[in-house]
C-alpha atoms as a PDB file:
ATOM      1  CA  MET A   1     -55.424 137.223  99.954  1.00  0.00           C
ATOM      2  CA  GLN A   2     -55.890 134.148 102.069  1.00  0.00           C
ATOM      3  CA  THR A   3     -54.268 130.987 100.873  1.00  0.00           C
ATOM      4  CA  SER A   4     -55.164 127.397 101.485  1.00  0.00           C
ATOM      5  CA  GLY A   5     -53.637 125.738 104.501  1.00  0.00           C
ATOM      6  CA  LYS A   6     -52.384 122.855 102.409  1.00  0.00           C
ATOM      7  CA  LYS A   7     -48.871 123.010 101.037  1.00  0.00           C
ATOM      8  CA  ARG A   8     -47.673 121.257  97.978  1.00  0.00           C
ATOM      9  CA  GLY A   9     -45.784 118.096  98.701  1.00  0.00           C
ATOM     10  CA  LYS A  10     -42.828 119.066  96.578  1.00  0.00           C
ATOM     11  CA  ASN A  11     -42.019 121.959  98.909  1.00  0.00           C
ATOM     12  CA  LYS A  12     -41.731 119.767 101.975  1.00  0.00           C
ATOM     13  CA  ARG A  13     -38.254 119.174 103.244  1.00  0.00           C
ATOM     14  CA  ARG A  14     -37.195 115.586 103.291  1.00  0.00           C
ATOM     15  CA  PRO A  15     -35.216 114.367 106.297  1.00  0.00           C
ATOM     16  CA  LYS A  16     -31.591 113.629 105.640  1.00  0.00           C
ATOM     17  CA  ALA A  17     -30.696 109.983 105.444  1.00  0.00           C
ATOM     18  CA  ALA A  18     -28.716 108.679 108.364  1.00  0.00           C
ATOM     19  CA  PRO A  19     -25.087 107.883 107.544  1.00  0.00           C
ATOM     20  CA  SER A  20     -24.446 104.245 106.852  1.00  0.00           C
ATOM     21  CA  SER A  21     -22.714 102.311 109.592  1.00  0.00           C
ATOM     22  CA  SER A  22     -20.556 100.580 107.006  1.00  0.00           C
ATOM     23  CA  GLY A  23     -18.726 103.799 106.161  1.00  0.00           C
ATOM     24  CA  PRO A  24     -18.855 106.200 103.216  1.00  0.00           C
ATOM     25  CA  SER A  25     -20.920 105.034 100.267  1.00  0.00           C
ATOM     26  CA  ARG A  26     -19.040 103.922  97.181  1.00  0.00           C
ATOM     27  CA  PRO A  27     -19.737 105.527  93.822  1.00  0.00           C
ATOM     28  CA  PRO A  28     -21.865 103.336  91.562  1.00  0.00           C
ATOM     29  CA  LYS A  29     -19.947 101.207  89.124  1.00  0.00           C
ATOM     30  CA  ARG A  30     -20.029 102.352  85.545  1.00  0.00           C
ATOM     31  CA  LYS A  31     -21.644 100.075  83.034  1.00  0.00           C
ATOM     32  CA  PRO A  32     -19.133  98.422  80.711  1.00  0.00           C
ATOM     33  CA  SER A  33     -18.934  99.803  77.207  1.00  0.00           C
ATOM     34  CA  ARG A  34     -21.019  98.047  74.580  1.00  0.00           C
ATOM     35  CA  TRP A  35     -17.775  97.676  72.612  1.00  0.00           C
ATOM     36  CA  ALA A  36     -15.850  95.928  75.393  1.00  0.00           C
ATOM     37  CA  ASP A  37     -14.332  92.541  74.458  1.00  0.00           C
ATOM     38  CA  LYS A  38     -15.974  92.482  71.023  1.00  0.00           C
ATOM     39  CA  CYS A  39     -12.817  91.530  69.108  1.00  0.00           C
ATOM     40  CA  MET A  40     -12.296  87.887  68.200  1.00  0.00           C
ATOM     41  CA  TYR A  41      -9.086  87.161  70.107  1.00  0.00           C
ATOM     42  CA  ALA A  42      -7.011  84.138  69.113  1.00  0.00           C
ATOM     43  CA  GLU A  43      -5.729  81.527  71.523  1.00  0.00           C
ATOM     44  CA  LEU A  44      -1.991  80.895  71.601  1.00  0.00           C
ATOM     45  CA  LEU A  45      -1.250  77.748  69.598  1.00  0.00           C
ATOM     46  CA  GLU A  46       0.138  75.211  72.075  1.00  0.00           C
ATOM     47  CA  MET A  47       2.709  73.024  70.336  1.00  0.00           C
ATOM     48  CA  SER A  48       4.801  70.036  71.384  1.00  0.00           C
ATOM     49  CA  GLU A  49       7.938  68.752  69.680  1.00  0.00           C
ATOM     50  CA  VAL A  50       7.719  65.390  71.462  1.00  0.00           C
ATOM     51  CA  TYR A  51       7.256  62.643  68.869  1.00  0.00           C
ATOM     52  CA  ASP A  52       6.619  59.004  69.760  1.00  0.00           C
ATOM     53  CA  GLY A  53       7.074  57.733  66.229  1.00  0.00           C
ATOM     54  CA  TYR A  54       3.466  57.421  65.141  1.00  0.00           C
ATOM     55  CA  ASN A  55       1.155  60.020  66.766  1.00  0.00           C
ATOM     56  CA  VAL A  56       1.758  63.224  64.811  1.00  0.00           C
ATOM     57  CA  VAL A  57      -1.535  64.880  65.780  1.00  0.00           C
ATOM     58  CA  SER A  58      -0.292  65.367  69.348  1.00  0.00           C
ATOM     59  CA  ASP A  59       2.133  68.056  68.141  1.00  0.00           C
ATOM     60  CA  GLY A  60      -0.587  70.709  68.558  1.00  0.00           C
ATOM     61  CA  ILE A  61      -0.947  71.724  64.918  1.00  0.00           C
ATOM     62  CA  PRO A  62      -4.544  71.217  63.700  1.00  0.00           C
ATOM     63  CA  HIS A  63      -4.943  67.868  61.953  1.00  0.00           C
ATOM     64  CA  ASP A  64      -6.853  69.557  59.120  1.00  0.00           C
ATOM     65  CA  ILE A  65      -4.394  72.438  58.733  1.00  0.00           C
ATOM     66  CA  GLU A  66      -4.219  71.895  54.955  1.00  0.00           C
ATOM     67  CA  THR A  67      -7.954  71.930  54.251  1.00  0.00           C
ATOM     68  CA  GLY A  68      -9.849  73.609  57.085  1.00  0.00           C
ATOM     69  CA  TRP A  69      -7.928  76.788  57.913  1.00  0.00           C
ATOM     70  CA  VAL A  70      -7.101  80.239  56.549  1.00  0.00           C
ATOM     71  CA  ALA A  71      -3.783  81.953  57.342  1.00  0.00           C
ATOM     72  CA  VAL A  72      -3.318  85.677  57.988  1.00  0.00           C
ATOM     73  CA  THR A  73       0.269  86.870  57.741  1.00  0.00           C
ATOM     74  CA  PRO A  74       2.336  88.903  58.292  1.00  0.00           C
ATOM     75  CA  VAL A  75       0.343  90.287  61.218  1.00  0.00           C
ATOM     76  CA  PRO A  76       1.779  93.744  62.024  1.00  0.00           C
ATOM     77  CA  VAL A  77       3.018  94.926  65.395  1.00  0.00           C
ATOM     78  CA  GLY A  78       0.513  97.261  66.997  1.00  0.00           C
ATOM     79  CA  LYS A  79      -2.481  97.722  69.289  1.00  0.00           C
ATOM     80  CA  ARG A  80      -5.652  95.732  68.704  1.00  0.00           C
ATOM     81  CA  CYS A  81      -8.790  97.869  68.549  1.00  0.00           C
ATOM     82  CA  LEU A  82     -12.235  98.314  67.040  1.00  0.00           C
ATOM     83  CA  ALA A  83     -12.905 100.997  64.435  1.00  0.00           C
ATOM     84  CA  VAL A  84     -16.502 102.207  64.803  1.00  0.00           C
ATOM     85  CA  THR A  85     -18.132 104.775  62.514  1.00  0.00           C
ATOM     86  CA  HIS A  86     -21.294 106.774  63.122  1.00  0.00           C
ATOM     87  CA  GLN A  87     -23.632 108.913  61.065  1.00  0.00           C
ATOM     88  CA  THR A  88     -22.543 112.539  60.693  1.00  0.00           C
ATOM     89  CA  SER A  89     -24.224 115.542  59.121  1.00  0.00           C
ATOM     90  CA  GLY A  90     -20.940 117.003  57.912  1.00  0.00           C
ATOM     91  CA  VAL A  91     -19.064 116.530  54.669  1.00  0.00           C
ATOM     92  CA  PRO A  92     -17.902 112.890  54.235  1.00  0.00           C
ATOM     93  CA  GLY A  93     -14.160 112.624  54.713  1.00  0.00           C
ATOM     94  CA  VAL A  94     -14.052 115.987  56.507  1.00  0.00           C
ATOM     95  CA  ALA A  95     -16.395 115.656  59.492  1.00  0.00           C
ATOM     96  CA  PRO A  96     -15.176 113.296  62.258  1.00  0.00           C
ATOM     97  CA  ASN A  97     -17.029 109.998  61.923  1.00  0.00           C
ATOM     98  CA  LEU A  98     -14.643 107.302  63.216  1.00  0.00           C
ATOM     99  CA  THR A  99     -13.703 106.299  66.760  1.00  0.00           C
ATOM    100  CA  LEU A 100     -11.048 103.740  67.698  1.00  0.00           C
ATOM    101  CA  ARG A 101     -11.929 101.732  70.799  1.00  0.00           C
ATOM    102  CA  SER A 102      -9.701  99.528  72.935  1.00  0.00           C
ATOM    103  CA  ARG A 103     -10.075  95.761  72.651  1.00  0.00           C
ATOM    104  CA  VAL A 104     -10.687  94.937  76.316  1.00  0.00           C
ATOM    105  CA  LEU A 105     -12.650  97.874  77.766  1.00  0.00           C
ATOM    106  CA  GLY A 106     -14.008  99.449  74.605  1.00  0.00           C
ATOM    107  CA  LYS A 107     -12.772 102.902  75.615  1.00  0.00           C
ATOM    108  CA  PRO A 108     -11.871 105.503  72.956  1.00  0.00           C
ATOM    109  CA  LEU A 109      -8.157 105.546  72.138  1.00  0.00           C
ATOM    110  CA  MET A 110      -8.327 109.068  70.670  1.00  0.00           C
ATOM    111  CA  ASN A 111     -10.812 111.703  69.578  1.00  0.00           C
ATOM    112  CA  ALA A 112     -13.123 110.908  66.677  1.00  0.00           C
ATOM    113  CA  PHE A 113     -11.566 111.753  63.311  1.00  0.00           C
ATOM    114  CA  PRO A 114     -12.607 111.893  59.629  1.00  0.00           C
ATOM    115  CA  SER A 115     -12.410 108.794  57.464  1.00  0.00           C
ATOM    116  CA  PRO A 116     -13.730 107.579  54.090  1.00  0.00           C
ATOM    117  CA  LEU A 117     -15.507 104.666  55.792  1.00  0.00           C
ATOM    118  CA  PRO A 118     -19.313 104.570  55.518  1.00  0.00           C
ATOM    119  CA  PRO A 119     -21.473 105.104  58.629  1.00  0.00           C
ATOM    120  CA  HIS A 120     -22.476 102.190  60.863  1.00  0.00           C
ATOM    121  CA  THR A 121     -19.335 100.213  60.067  1.00  0.00           C
ATOM    122  CA  VAL A 122     -17.353  98.169  62.604  1.00  0.00           C
ATOM    123  CA  LEU A 123     -13.880  96.842  61.777  1.00  0.00           C
ATOM    124  CA  ASP A 124     -11.460  94.688  63.753  1.00  0.00           C
ATOM    125  CA  CYS A 125      -8.157  96.557  63.435  1.00  0.00           C
ATOM    126  CA  ILE A 126      -4.542  96.846  64.561  1.00  0.00           C
ATOM    127  CA  LEU A 127      -3.291 100.374  65.166  1.00  0.00           C
ATOM    128  CA  ASP A 128       0.266 100.396  63.830  1.00  0.00           C
ATOM    129  CA  GLU A 129       2.957 100.926  66.461  1.00  0.00           C
ATOM    130  CA  ASN A 130       4.298 103.862  64.411  1.00  0.00           C
ATOM    131  CA  TRP A 131       0.951 105.293  63.305  1.00  0.00           C
ATOM    132  CA  LYS A 132       2.000 108.859  64.087  1.00  0.00           C
ATOM    133  CA  GLU A 133       4.830 108.514  61.558  1.00  0.00           C
ATOM    134  CA  ASN A 134       3.001 106.469  58.892  1.00  0.00           C
ATOM    135  CA  GLY A 135      -0.714 107.061  59.553  1.00  0.00           C
ATOM    136  CA  ILE A 136      -1.562 103.368  59.062  1.00  0.00           C
ATOM    137  CA  LEU A 137      -4.500 101.475  60.529  1.00  0.00           C
ATOM    138  CA  HIS A 138      -4.347  97.763  59.655  1.00  0.00           C
ATOM    139  CA  VAL A 139      -7.755  96.168  59.042  1.00  0.00           C
ATOM    140  CA  LEU A 140      -7.831  92.584  60.278  1.00  0.00           C
ATOM    141  CA  ASP A 141     -11.511  91.642  60.000  1.00  0.00           C
ATOM    142  CA  VAL A 142     -14.961  93.122  59.456  1.00  0.00           C
ATOM    143  CA  LEU A 143     -17.966  92.835  61.767  1.00  0.00           C
ATOM    144  CA  GLN A 144     -20.360  95.266  60.131  1.00  0.00           C
ATOM    145  CA  TRP A 145     -20.454  97.341  56.961  1.00  0.00           C
ATOM    146  CA  LYS A 146     -23.125  99.988  56.393  1.00  0.00           C
ATOM    147  CA  GLU A 147     -25.345  98.349  59.041  1.00  0.00           C
ATOM    148  CA  GLN A 148     -24.960  94.971  57.324  1.00  0.00           C
ATOM    149  CA  ASP A 149     -23.875  92.272  59.770  1.00  0.00           C
ATOM    150  CA  ILE A 150     -20.932  90.237  58.438  1.00  0.00           C
ATOM    151  CA  THR A 151     -20.143  88.226  61.589  1.00  0.00           C
ATOM    152  CA  GLU A 152     -22.253  85.240  60.510  1.00  0.00           C
ATOM    153  CA  CYS A 153     -20.250  84.829  57.293  1.00  0.00           C
ATOM    154  CA  GLU A 154     -17.370  82.365  56.949  1.00  0.00           C
ATOM    155  CA  THR A 155     -13.767  83.468  57.332  1.00  0.00           C
ATOM    156  CA  ALA A 156     -12.674  83.569  53.693  1.00  0.00           C
ATOM    157  CA  PHE A 157     -15.781  85.513  52.670  1.00  0.00           C
ATOM    158  CA  ARG A 158     -15.247  88.116  55.412  1.00  0.00           C
ATOM    159  CA  PHE A 159     -11.670  88.670  54.271  1.00  0.00           C
ATOM    160  CA  TRP A 160     -12.737  88.909  50.632  1.00  0.00           C
ATOM    161  CA  TRP A 161     -15.473  91.384  51.582  1.00  0.00           C
ATOM    162  CA  ARG A 162     -12.972  93.408  53.604  1.00  0.00           C
ATOM    163  CA  ASN A 163     -10.507  93.686  50.705  1.00  0.00           C
ATOM    164  CA  THR A 164     -13.212  94.493  48.164  1.00  0.00           C
ATOM    165  CA  ARG A 165     -14.884  97.221  50.211  1.00  0.00           C
ATOM    166  CA  LEU A 166     -11.622  98.866  51.260  1.00  0.00           C
ATOM    167  CA  SER A 167     -10.475  98.995  47.634  1.00  0.00           C
ATOM    168  CA  GLU A 168     -13.657 100.902  46.745  1.00  0.00           C
ATOM    169  CA  LEU A 169     -13.114 103.691  49.274  1.00  0.00           C
ATOM    170  CA  PRO A 170     -12.332 107.166  47.918  1.00  0.00           C
ATOM    171  CA  VAL A 171      -8.789 108.396  48.454  1.00  0.00           C
ATOM    172  CA  HIS A 172      -8.546 111.518  50.606  1.00  0.00           C
ATOM    173  CA  PRO A 173      -5.368 113.569  51.109  1.00  0.00           C
ATOM    174  CA  PRO A 174      -3.687 113.152  54.494  1.00  0.00           C
ATOM    175  CA  PRO A 175      -4.751 115.564  57.247  1.00  0.00           C
ATOM    176  CA  VAL A 176      -2.970 118.923  57.308  1.00  0.00           C
ATOM    177  CA  ASN A 177      -3.892 119.917  60.849  1.00  0.00           C
ATOM    178  CA  ALA A 178      -3.617 118.158  64.161  1.00  0.00           C
ATOM    179  CA  VAL A 179      -6.456 117.585  66.611  1.00  0.00           C
ATOM    180  CA  ASP A 180      -6.538 119.828  69.651  1.00  0.00           C
ATOM    181  CA  GLN A 181      -7.760 118.766  73.082  1.00  0.00           C
ATOM    182  CA  GLU A 182     -11.324 119.894  72.341  1.00  0.00           C
ATOM    183  CA  GLY A 183     -11.505 117.691  69.262  1.00  0.00           C
ATOM    184  CA  GLY A 184     -11.163 120.513  66.760  1.00  0.00           C
ATOM    185  CA  PHE A 185      -8.634 120.695  63.961  1.00  0.00           C
ATOM    186  CA  SER A 186      -6.384 123.682  64.471  1.00  0.00           C
ATOM    187  CA  ALA A 187      -2.779 122.966  65.390  1.00  0.00           C
ATOM    188  CA  SER A 188      -0.246 122.298  62.658  1.00  0.00           C
ATOM    189  CA  ALA A 189       0.829 118.675  62.250  1.00  0.00           C
ATOM    190  CA  ILE A 190       4.314 119.777  61.218  1.00  0.00           C
ATOM    191  CA  GLU A 191       6.906 119.747  63.977  1.00  0.00           C
ATOM    192  CA  PRO A 192       9.334 122.690  64.278  1.00  0.00           C
ATOM    193  CA  GLY A 193      12.012 120.601  62.560  1.00  0.00           C
ATOM    194  CA  GLY A 194       9.798 120.015  59.550  1.00  0.00           C
ATOM    195  CA  HIS A 195       8.874 116.402  60.417  1.00  0.00           C
ATOM    196  CA  TYR A 196       5.238 115.573  59.714  1.00  0.00           C
ATOM    197  CA  LEU A 197       3.225 113.642  62.297  1.00  0.00           C
ATOM    198  CA  PHE A 198      -0.180 112.207  61.481  1.00  0.00           C
ATOM    199  CA  PRO A 199      -2.820 113.519  63.914  1.00  0.00           C
ATOM    200  CA  HIS A 200      -4.853 110.359  63.301  1.00  0.00           C
ATOM    201  CA  PRO A 201      -4.744 107.266  61.044  1.00  0.00           C
ATOM    202  CA  ALA A 202      -5.333 108.094  57.388  1.00  0.00           C
ATOM    203  CA  THR A 203      -4.432 104.896  55.492  1.00  0.00           C
ATOM    204  CA  PHE A 204      -6.518 101.725  55.889  1.00  0.00           C
ATOM    205  CA  VAL A 205      -4.525  98.621  54.951  1.00  0.00           C
ATOM    206  CA  PRO A 206      -5.960  95.066  54.954  1.00  0.00           C
ATOM    207  CA  VAL A 207      -3.759  92.407  56.536  1.00  0.00           C
ATOM    208  CA  PRO A 208      -2.980  89.763  53.848  1.00  0.00           C
ATOM    209  CA  TYR A 209      -4.840  86.458  54.055  1.00  0.00           C
ATOM    210  CA  HIS A 210      -4.012  83.128  52.393  1.00  0.00           C
ATOM    211  CA  THR A 211      -6.410  80.278  51.638  1.00  0.00           C
ATOM    212  CA  ASP A 212      -3.599  77.919  50.582  1.00  0.00           C
ATOM    213  CA  THR A 213      -2.437  76.382  53.855  1.00  0.00           C
ATOM    214  CA  SER A 214      -0.869  73.216  52.475  1.00  0.00           C
ATOM    215  CA  LEU A 215       2.204  72.056  54.368  1.00  0.00           C
ATOM    216  CA  ALA A 216       4.496  72.889  51.459  1.00  0.00           C
ATOM    217  CA  HIS A 217       3.031  76.385  51.070  1.00  0.00           C
ATOM    218  CA  LEU A 218       3.274  77.017  54.800  1.00  0.00           C
ATOM    219  CA  LEU A 219       6.889  75.885  54.894  1.00  0.00           C
ATOM    220  CA  HIS A 220       8.207  77.599  51.769  1.00  0.00           C
ATOM    221  CA  GLU A 221       5.986  80.692  51.500  1.00  0.00           C
ATOM    222  CA  LEU A 222       3.972  81.703  54.553  1.00  0.00           C
ATOM    223  CA  ILE A 223       6.505  81.071  57.318  1.00  0.00           C
ATOM    224  CA  PRO A 224       9.283  83.028  55.514  1.00  0.00           C
ATOM    225  CA  LEU A 225       6.701  85.747  54.809  1.00  0.00           C
ATOM    226  CA  THR A 226       5.923  85.938  58.528  1.00  0.00           C
ATOM    227  CA  ARG A 227       9.595  86.527  59.310  1.00  0.00           C
ATOM    228  CA  SER A 228       9.925  89.380  56.825  1.00  0.00           C
ATOM    229  CA  SER A 229       8.849  93.000  57.046  1.00  0.00           C
ATOM    230  CA  ARG A 230       6.195  94.413  54.758  1.00  0.00           C
ATOM    231  CA  MET A 231       6.692  97.570  52.716  1.00  0.00           C
ATOM    232  CA  ILE A 232       3.642  99.819  52.327  1.00  0.00           C
ATOM    233  CA  SER A 233       3.354 102.981  50.259  1.00  0.00           C
ATOM    234  CA  ILE A 234       1.843 106.032  51.983  1.00  0.00           C
ATOM    235  CA  THR A 235       1.188 109.655  51.050  1.00  0.00           C
ATOM    236  CA  LYS A 236       2.046 112.472  53.413  1.00  0.00           C
ATOM    237  CA  PRO A 237       2.425 116.268  53.246  1.00  0.00           C
ATOM    238  CA  VAL A 238       5.823 117.906  52.967  1.00  0.00           C
ATOM    239  CA  THR A 239       6.962 121.385  53.912  1.00  0.00           C
ATOM    240  CA  PRO A 240       9.259 123.225  51.467  1.00  0.00           C
ATOM    241  CA  GLN A 241      12.592 124.402  52.817  1.00  0.00           C
ATOM    242  CA  PRO A 242      12.714 128.182  53.411  1.00  0.00           C
ATOM    243  CA  ARG A 243      14.739 130.185  50.919  1.00  0.00           C
ATOM    244  CA  ALA A 244      17.779 132.177  51.994  1.00  0.00           C
ATOM    245  CA  THR A 245      15.960 135.473  51.376  1.00  0.00           C
ATOM    246  CA  ASP A 246      13.208 134.391  53.744  1.00  0.00           C
ATOM    247  CA  MET A 247      15.452 133.638  56.702  1.00  0.00           C
ATOM    248  CA  ASP A 248      15.554 137.220  57.969  1.00  0.00           C
ATOM    249  CA  LEU A 249      11.863 137.933  57.495  1.00  0.00           C
ATOM    250  CA  ASP A 250       9.595 137.819  60.499  1.00  0.00           C
ATOM    251  CA  VAL A 251       6.920 135.733  58.795  1.00  0.00           C
ATOM    252  CA  PRO A 252       5.263 132.459  59.762  1.00  0.00           C
ATOM    253  CA  ALA A 253       6.540 129.168  58.396  1.00  0.00           C
ATOM    254  CA  PRO A 254       5.237 128.216  54.939  1.00  0.00           C
ATOM    255  CA  LEU A 255       2.105 126.128  54.710  1.00  0.00           C
ATOM    256  CA  ILE A 256       2.102 122.584  53.383  1.00  0.00           C
ATOM    257  CA  THR A 257       2.173 122.893  49.617  1.00  0.00           C
ATOM    258  CA  ALA A 258       2.953 119.417  48.317  1.00  0.00           C
ATOM    259  CA  LEU A 259       2.474 115.718  48.908  1.00  0.00           C
ATOM    260  CA  GLU A 260       5.048 112.979  48.690  1.00  0.00           C
ATOM    261  CA  THR A 261       4.826 109.215  48.407  1.00  0.00           C
ATOM    262  CA  ALA A 262       7.047 107.154  50.661  1.00  0.00           C
ATOM    263  CA  SER A 263       7.515 103.474  51.464  1.00  0.00           C
ATOM    264  CA  VAL A 264       7.417 102.532  55.128  1.00  0.00           C
ATOM    265  CA  GLU A 265       8.528  99.301  56.754  1.00  0.00           C
ATOM    266  CA  ILE A 266       5.940  97.382  58.767  1.00  0.00           C
ATOM    267  CA  LYS A 267       7.386  94.846  61.197  1.00  0.00           C
ATOM    268  CA  SER A 268       5.772  91.443  61.581  1.00  0.00           C
ATOM    269  CA  ASP A 269       4.426  90.175  64.890  1.00  0.00           C
ATOM    270  CA  GLY A 270       3.419  86.662  63.850  1.00  0.00           C
ATOM    271  CA  LEU A 271       0.901  84.480  62.030  1.00  0.00           C
ATOM    272  CA  LEU A 272      -2.823  83.946  62.652  1.00  0.00           C
ATOM    273  CA  LEU A 273      -4.803  80.840  61.748  1.00  0.00           C
ATOM    274  CA  TYR A 274      -8.605  80.944  61.394  1.00  0.00           C
ATOM    275  CA  VAL A 275     -11.011  78.029  61.031  1.00  0.00           C
ATOM    276  CA  ALA A 276     -12.170  78.417  57.427  1.00  0.00           C
ATOM    277  CA  GLN A 277     -15.862  77.735  58.057  1.00  0.00           C
ATOM    278  CA  ALA A 278     -16.079  79.646  61.338  1.00  0.00           C
ATOM    279  CA  THR A 279     -18.115  82.780  61.946  1.00  0.00           C
ATOM    280  CA  TYR A 280     -16.811  85.812  63.849  1.00  0.00           C
ATOM    281  CA  GLU A 281     -16.943  85.075  67.581  1.00  0.00           C
ATOM    282  CA  PRO A 282     -16.325  87.881  70.121  1.00  0.00           C
ATOM    283  CA  GLY A 283     -13.838  87.317  72.935  1.00  0.00           C
ATOM    284  CA  THR A 284     -11.085  84.718  73.176  1.00  0.00           C
ATOM    285  CA  SER A 285     -11.970  81.956  70.745  1.00  0.00           C
ATOM    286  CA  PRO A 286     -10.524  78.531  69.819  1.00  0.00           C
ATOM    287  CA  LEU A 287     -11.650  79.265  66.250  1.00  0.00           C
ATOM    288  CA  SER A 288      -8.451  81.256  65.812  1.00  0.00           C
ATOM    289  CA  SER A 289      -4.858  80.370  66.759  1.00  0.00           C
ATOM    290  CA  TRP A 290      -1.889  82.690  67.188  1.00  0.00           C
ATOM    291  CA  VAL A 291       1.732  81.844  66.354  1.00  0.00           C
ATOM    292  CA  PRO A 292       3.912  84.788  67.458  1.00  0.00           C
ATOM    293  CA  LEU A 293       7.263  85.537  65.925  1.00  0.00           C
ATOM    294  CA  GLN A 294       8.832  86.002  69.346  1.00  0.00           C
ATOM    295  CA  ALA A 295       8.007  84.274  72.630  1.00  0.00           C
ATOM    296  CA  TYR A 296       6.201  86.321  75.264  1.00  0.00           C
ATOM    297  CA  THR A 297       8.230  86.407  78.467  1.00  0.00           C
ATOM    298  CA  GLN A 298       7.971  88.333  81.693  1.00  0.00           C
ATOM    299  CA  ALA A 299      10.812  90.647  82.580  1.00  0.00           C
ATOM    300  CA  ALA A 300      13.400  88.676  84.529  1.00  0.00           C
ATOM    301  CA  PRO A 301      15.995  90.113  86.922  1.00  0.00           C
ATOM    302  CA  GLU A 302      19.378  90.811  85.394  1.00  0.00           C
ATOM    303  CA  THR A 303      21.865  87.960  85.639  1.00  0.00           C
ATOM    304  CA  ASP A 304      25.542  88.173  86.461  1.00  0.00           C
ATOM    305  CA  MET A 305      27.940  88.734  83.609  1.00  0.00           C
ATOM    306  CA  GLY A 306      29.124  85.500  82.049  1.00  0.00           C
ATOM    307  CA  LYS A 307      26.222  83.354  83.258  1.00  0.00           C
ATOM    308  CA  GLY A 308      24.193  84.000  80.133  1.00  0.00           C
ATOM    309  CA  LYS A 309      20.475  84.324  79.729  1.00  0.00           C
ATOM    310  CA  VAL A 310      18.062  81.657  78.567  1.00  0.00           C
ATOM    311  CA  THR A 311      15.916  82.951  75.707  1.00  0.00           C
ATOM    312  CA  PRO A 312      12.732  80.983  74.965  1.00  0.00           C
ATOM    313  CA  GLU A 313      12.595  79.535  71.476  1.00  0.00           C
ATOM    314  CA  SER A 314      10.541  81.394  68.932  1.00  0.00           C
ATOM    315  CA  PRO A 315       7.057  79.829  68.591  1.00  0.00           C
ATOM    316  CA  LEU A 316       7.331  80.370  64.839  1.00  0.00           C
ATOM    317  CA  ASN A 317      10.534  78.286  64.804  1.00  0.00           C
ATOM    318  CA  VAL A 318       8.725  75.487  66.637  1.00  0.00           C
ATOM    319  CA  PHE A 319       5.808  75.775  64.206  1.00  0.00           C
ATOM    320  CA  GLU A 320       8.216  75.547  61.274  1.00  0.00           C
ATOM    321  CA  SER A 321       9.943  72.432  62.598  1.00  0.00           C
ATOM    322  CA  LEU A 322       6.602  70.693  63.184  1.00  0.00           C
ATOM    323  CA  VAL A 323       5.337  71.592  59.715  1.00  0.00           C
ATOM    324  CA  ARG A 324       8.608  70.343  58.232  1.00  0.00           C
ATOM    325  CA  ARG A 325       8.283  67.040  60.104  1.00  0.00           C
ATOM    326  CA  ARG A 326       4.685  66.582  59.023  1.00  0.00           C
ATOM    327  CA  LEU A 327       5.584  67.270  55.412  1.00  0.00           C
ATOM    328  CA  ALA A 328       8.454  64.756  55.536  1.00  0.00           C
ATOM    329  CA  LEU A 329       6.178  62.091  57.034  1.00  0.00           C
ATOM    330  CA  LYS A 330       3.527  62.830  54.431  1.00  0.00           C
ATOM    331  CA  ILE A 331       6.019  62.464  51.581  1.00  0.00           C
ATOM    332  CA  SER A 332       7.500  59.265  53.019  1.00  0.00           C
ATOM    333  CA  SER A 333       4.046  57.701  53.350  1.00  0.00           C
ATOM    334  CA  VAL A 334       3.274  58.433  49.685  1.00  0.00           C
ATOM    335  CA  LEU A 335       6.569  57.327  48.131  1.00  0.00           C
ATOM    336  CA  PRO A 336       6.590  53.646  47.073  1.00  0.00           C
ATOM    337  CA  GLU A 337       9.073  51.360  48.758  1.00  0.00           C
ATOM    338  CA  VAL A 338      12.004  50.411  46.501  1.00  0.00           C
ATOM    339  CA  THR A 339      13.774  47.090  47.134  1.00  0.00           C
ATOM    340  CA  MET A 340      17.408  46.374  46.360  1.00  0.00           C
ATOM    341  CA  GLU A 341      16.402  44.071  43.473  1.00  0.00           C
ATOM    342  CA  GLU A 342      14.265  46.804  41.849  1.00  0.00           C
ATOM    343  CA  SER A 343      17.062  49.348  42.121  1.00  0.00           C
ATOM    344  CA  GLN A 344      19.552  47.162  40.235  1.00  0.00           C
END
């Protein structure tokens, strides 16, 4: 059979592109994650102890600290992240539906895992520094709940909404199995020594907030609270000790058969202040101020023995002294002056 002399264009060979004179081509840059830099990150509260006798506002503490701010404390030590849920066709609480994403780049911190949170929910969280031992994810703020945008709401309402919705979540038992590299649940979460490690966070704890930010309440309640640790009750599986008759048997270790309740200590990292009427603003924002318990310093070279080492003063100590001074000035301005004649 005779065919047409025309050939289809897709079969023609294209000439190879000449190599670029500028060297090998660079791989295209990846688009940033949609979750990158979505957390509302507080600015460090800049304070000054210099006092000229009349200008108190220059100390750095907001002038309307007593009426226009909300305090969050104690803020736990951990890693800031976003908790993002998605729709899943599996059984709620069993099928993986939650991904933790890093604050800056929005990259996943671990494989997706099951949670009682509803789909299309976004929470501003702090992954506890000891989450493998206690399974705690601290919930700082809420951006979205069941597709409902909460970012345009004021601070106190967001915190109230957060506490209310978290209290309504069903309670699921802690995970029995660990997550393997493929994302499946297969390996035992019990170490050979019998110590249980959480394969992923299982307890969602709201960070306490306080609408009373009067100078007296800050000085006598909130600042001491920031210095103290917080005790939280968790539930975790336990493995029964093998009986003496079982020691010689070539059988696998017993499965987890019971749960226990334990109290864990959560260390404080500092105190957060939010503008009461502010909405949630992604990125570093002046609408929130951070007062850390310890000063952030870069690692310095070791000094000779006997010379000593200068340790920066705790920002919380500076904050306390400024609040104390403001309270004293406030009280002195209210008290009536008493003359010597009136006192006799």
